[in-house]
């Protein structure tokens, strides 16, 4: 028996940095992020591509295609609602590679700033590496408008409310919240009620 050893393939890296301004309070922006990474995800052409995101440390981020089939894209490394989500895993890559995604949200004025970092290492093909910066922006356009789409979808007859960060209309974290497995104080509940009123 003869064993052939293929030529060594070089590891490639990818780094994508992006910042997005979202016209919504940080809690609403975080929920919209979870929706965009979960049931509202789409391909570049707008075709729905829903994911499941288990919102706890070690939770899976995957496509469930039914009948015990699907694709694992990563695991939740860090989740601190509504400020931070980190995911690590292969993403869409079916070859030796590891990626790290970081979504950091901060209050900025009356809205939210999302800083996104994607770093990857592995046998990443040049075509995939070069195409990634084109793929992420389609998601950013949807994500930046997601909070307003969300308000229209859930409250079609209600007008949007804008928050001023100096008015005290900001929310914190401490009571269990089933959607994010995070902690949300009563002040957030009242804040969200005012937002959707």
Protein backbone atom coordinates (compact mmCIF):
# COMPACT_ATOMS: atom_id res chain seq x y z
CA UNK A 1 0.00 0.00 0.00
CA UNK A 2 1.26 3.44 -0.96
CA UNK A 3 0.27 6.60 0.84
CA UNK A 4 0.52 9.86 -1.00
CA UNK A 5 0.96 13.08 0.90
CA UNK A 6 -0.54 16.04 -0.95
CA UNK A 7 1.37 19.27 -1.24
CA UNK A 8 0.96 21.55 1.75
CA UNK A 9 -1.85 24.08 1.22
CA UNK A 10 -1.12 27.46 2.71
CA UNK A 11 -3.39 28.85 5.38
CA UNK A 12 -5.07 32.10 4.47
CA UNK A 13 -6.57 34.72 6.74
CA UNK A 14 -9.54 37.00 6.42
CA UNK A 15 -10.38 40.10 8.42
CA UNK A 16 -13.49 42.21 7.90
CA UNK A 17 -14.29 45.23 10.06
CA UNK A 18 -17.57 47.11 9.78
CA UNK A 19 -19.55 49.65 11.82
CA UNK A 20 -23.28 50.24 11.38
CA UNK A 21 -25.52 52.92 12.88
CA UNK A 22 -28.97 51.68 13.92
CA UNK A 23 -31.84 54.09 14.65
CA UNK A 24 -33.16 52.13 17.63
CA UNK A 25 -32.39 51.60 21.32
CA UNK A 26 -29.68 49.07 22.04
CA UNK A 27 -32.13 46.43 23.34
CA UNK A 28 -34.21 46.57 20.16
CA UNK A 29 -31.04 46.52 18.01
CA UNK A 30 -29.80 43.42 19.88
CA UNK A 31 -33.12 41.64 19.33
CA UNK A 32 -32.98 42.59 15.63
CA UNK A 33 -29.44 41.17 15.44
CA UNK A 34 -30.65 37.86 16.89
CA UNK A 35 -33.49 37.82 14.34
CA UNK A 36 -31.12 38.56 11.43
CA UNK A 37 -28.80 35.76 12.55
CA UNK A 38 -31.78 33.46 13.11
CA UNK A 39 -35.18 33.20 11.46
CA UNK A 40 -34.87 36.38 9.32
CA UNK A 41 -31.51 35.49 7.69
CA UNK A 42 -31.32 35.75 3.90
CA UNK A 43 -28.91 34.98 1.09
CA UNK A 44 -27.44 37.81 -0.98
CA UNK A 45 -30.28 37.54 -3.51
CA UNK A 46 -32.96 37.85 -0.80
CA UNK A 47 -33.80 34.15 -0.65
CA UNK A 48 -34.73 33.20 2.93
CA UNK A 49 -32.02 31.20 4.69
CA UNK A 50 -33.29 30.82 8.27
CA UNK A 51 -30.94 29.75 11.04
CA UNK A 52 -31.36 28.57 14.59
CA UNK A 53 -29.34 30.46 17.19
CA UNK A 54 -29.22 29.07 20.71
CA UNK A 55 -28.65 32.19 22.79
CA UNK A 56 -26.44 30.89 25.59
CA UNK A 57 -22.68 30.21 25.92
CA UNK A 58 -21.92 27.11 23.86
CA UNK A 59 -25.22 27.40 21.98
CA UNK A 60 -25.24 26.32 18.36
CA UNK A 61 -25.75 28.55 15.32
CA UNK A 62 -26.93 26.31 12.51
CA UNK A 63 -29.22 25.75 9.54
CA UNK A 64 -31.84 23.14 10.28
CA UNK A 65 -32.88 21.55 6.98
CA UNK A 66 -35.19 19.00 8.64
CA UNK A 67 -34.90 15.21 8.91
CA UNK A 68 -31.73 15.55 11.01
CA UNK A 69 -29.86 17.38 8.23
CA UNK A 70 -28.29 20.81 8.23
CA UNK A 71 -25.10 22.85 8.56
CA UNK A 72 -23.34 23.90 11.77
CA UNK A 73 -21.95 27.41 11.33
CA UNK A 74 -20.63 27.99 14.82
CA UNK A 75 -21.07 28.12 18.58
CA UNK A 76 -21.83 31.07 20.83
CA UNK A 77 -18.58 31.93 22.55
CA UNK A 78 -19.81 35.02 24.44
CA UNK A 79 -23.27 36.49 24.88
CA UNK A 80 -23.89 39.55 27.07
CA UNK A 81 -27.26 41.02 26.04
CA UNK A 82 -27.65 43.66 24.80
CA UNK A 83 -23.99 44.59 24.29
CA UNK A 84 -22.01 41.65 22.94
CA UNK A 85 -22.33 38.47 20.88
CA UNK A 86 -19.36 36.38 19.75
CA UNK A 87 -19.59 33.26 17.60
CA UNK A 88 -16.76 30.93 16.57
CA UNK A 89 -16.88 28.13 14.04
CA UNK A 90 -16.48 27.14 10.40
CA UNK A 91 -19.36 29.35 9.10
CA UNK A 92 -20.07 28.37 5.49
CA UNK A 93 -16.66 26.74 5.02
CA UNK A 94 -16.55 22.99 4.40
CA UNK A 95 -12.80 22.71 4.77
CA UNK A 96 -10.28 23.16 7.59
CA UNK A 97 -10.97 26.69 8.85
CA UNK A 98 -12.01 28.56 11.97
CA UNK A 99 -13.75 31.91 12.17
CA UNK A 100 -14.56 34.34 14.94
CA UNK A 101 -17.42 36.84 14.67
CA UNK A 102 -17.86 39.67 17.15
CA UNK A 103 -20.94 41.92 17.30
CA UNK A 104 -20.39 44.72 19.84
CA UNK A 105 -23.28 47.15 20.39
CA UNK A 106 -22.98 50.51 22.14
CA UNK A 107 -25.41 53.31 22.81
CA UNK A 108 -24.70 56.25 20.55
CA UNK A 109 -26.90 59.33 20.77
CA UNK A 110 -30.51 58.22 20.40
CA UNK A 111 -29.55 54.99 18.64
CA UNK A 112 -27.05 52.17 18.62
CA UNK A 113 -23.67 51.59 17.01
CA UNK A 114 -22.79 48.04 15.97
CA UNK A 115 -19.10 47.26 15.51
CA UNK A 116 -18.58 43.98 13.64
CA UNK A 117 -15.33 42.02 13.35
CA UNK A 118 -14.89 38.81 11.34
CA UNK A 119 -11.54 37.07 11.54
CA UNK A 120 -10.84 33.72 9.93
CA UNK A 121 -7.92 31.37 9.45
CA UNK A 122 -7.60 28.19 7.42
CA UNK A 123 -7.49 26.75 3.94
CA UNK A 124 -9.70 29.56 2.69
CA UNK A 125 -9.92 29.70 -1.08
CA UNK A 126 -9.11 33.04 -2.71
CA UNK A 127 -12.59 33.13 -4.31
CA UNK A 128 -14.32 32.78 -0.93
CA UNK A 129 -11.95 35.21 0.80
CA UNK A 130 -12.43 37.84 -1.91
CA UNK A 131 -16.21 37.36 -1.98
CA UNK A 132 -16.81 37.68 1.77
CA UNK A 133 -16.59 41.48 1.92
CA UNK A 134 -19.32 41.59 -0.77
CA UNK A 135 -21.59 39.20 1.12
CA UNK A 136 -21.57 40.88 4.52
CA UNK A 137 -22.80 44.31 3.31
CA UNK A 138 -26.09 42.86 2.03
CA UNK A 139 -26.78 41.76 5.58
CA UNK A 140 -25.80 45.17 6.98
CA UNK A 141 -28.39 46.94 4.84
CA UNK A 142 -31.12 44.61 6.11
CA UNK A 143 -29.84 44.75 9.68
CA UNK A 144 -29.73 48.55 9.84
CA UNK A 145 -33.39 48.65 8.79
CA UNK A 146 -34.44 45.60 10.84
CA UNK A 147 -35.61 47.50 13.93
CA UNK A 148 -38.01 49.61 11.85
CA UNK A 149 -39.19 46.53 9.91
CA UNK A 150 -39.73 44.83 13.22
CA UNK A 151 -41.82 47.71 14.53
CA UNK A 152 -43.89 47.76 11.32
CA UNK A 153 -44.41 44.01 11.44
CA UNK A 154 -45.45 43.91 15.10
CA UNK A 155 -47.10 47.33 15.35
CA UNK A 156 -48.30 48.25 11.88
CA UNK A 157 -50.71 50.85 13.25
CA UNK A 158 -48.25 52.43 15.71
CA UNK A 159 -45.89 55.28 15.04
CA UNK A 160 -42.18 54.80 15.84
CA UNK A 161 -40.91 56.39 19.03
CA UNK A 162 -37.45 57.91 19.10
CA UNK A 163 -35.41 57.78 22.28
CA UNK A 164 -33.05 60.43 23.54
CA UNK A 165 -30.23 58.90 25.58
CA UNK A 166 -30.24 61.97 27.85
CA UNK A 167 -33.93 61.55 28.72
CA UNK A 168 -33.38 58.51 30.92
CA UNK A 169 -35.16 56.24 28.40
CA UNK A 170 -32.42 53.67 28.39
CA UNK A 171 -32.66 50.12 29.61
CA UNK A 172 -30.46 47.87 31.71
CA UNK A 173 -30.25 44.17 32.52
CA UNK A 174 -31.56 41.72 35.65
CA UNK A 175 -34.83 39.77 35.19
CA UNK A 176 -34.74 36.56 33.07
CA UNK A 177 -35.86 37.14 29.51
CA UNK A 178 -36.87 34.03 27.53
CA UNK A 179 -35.76 35.37 24.12
CA UNK A 180 -32.15 36.16 24.99
CA UNK A 181 -31.57 34.02 28.08
CA UNK A 182 -30.19 37.26 29.45
CA UNK A 183 -31.26 39.34 32.38
CA UNK A 184 -33.52 42.34 32.00
CA UNK A 185 -34.72 44.69 34.76
CA UNK A 186 -38.25 45.89 35.14
CA UNK A 187 -37.01 49.20 33.70
CA UNK A 188 -36.37 47.48 30.37
CA UNK A 189 -39.88 46.06 30.33
CA UNK A 190 -41.32 49.54 30.86
CA UNK A 191 -38.84 50.96 28.33
CA UNK A 192 -39.99 48.47 25.70
CA UNK A 193 -43.64 49.15 26.54
CA UNK A 194 -43.03 52.88 25.95
CA UNK A 195 -41.18 52.09 22.72
CA UNK A 196 -44.03 50.00 21.31
CA UNK A 197 -46.81 52.26 22.67
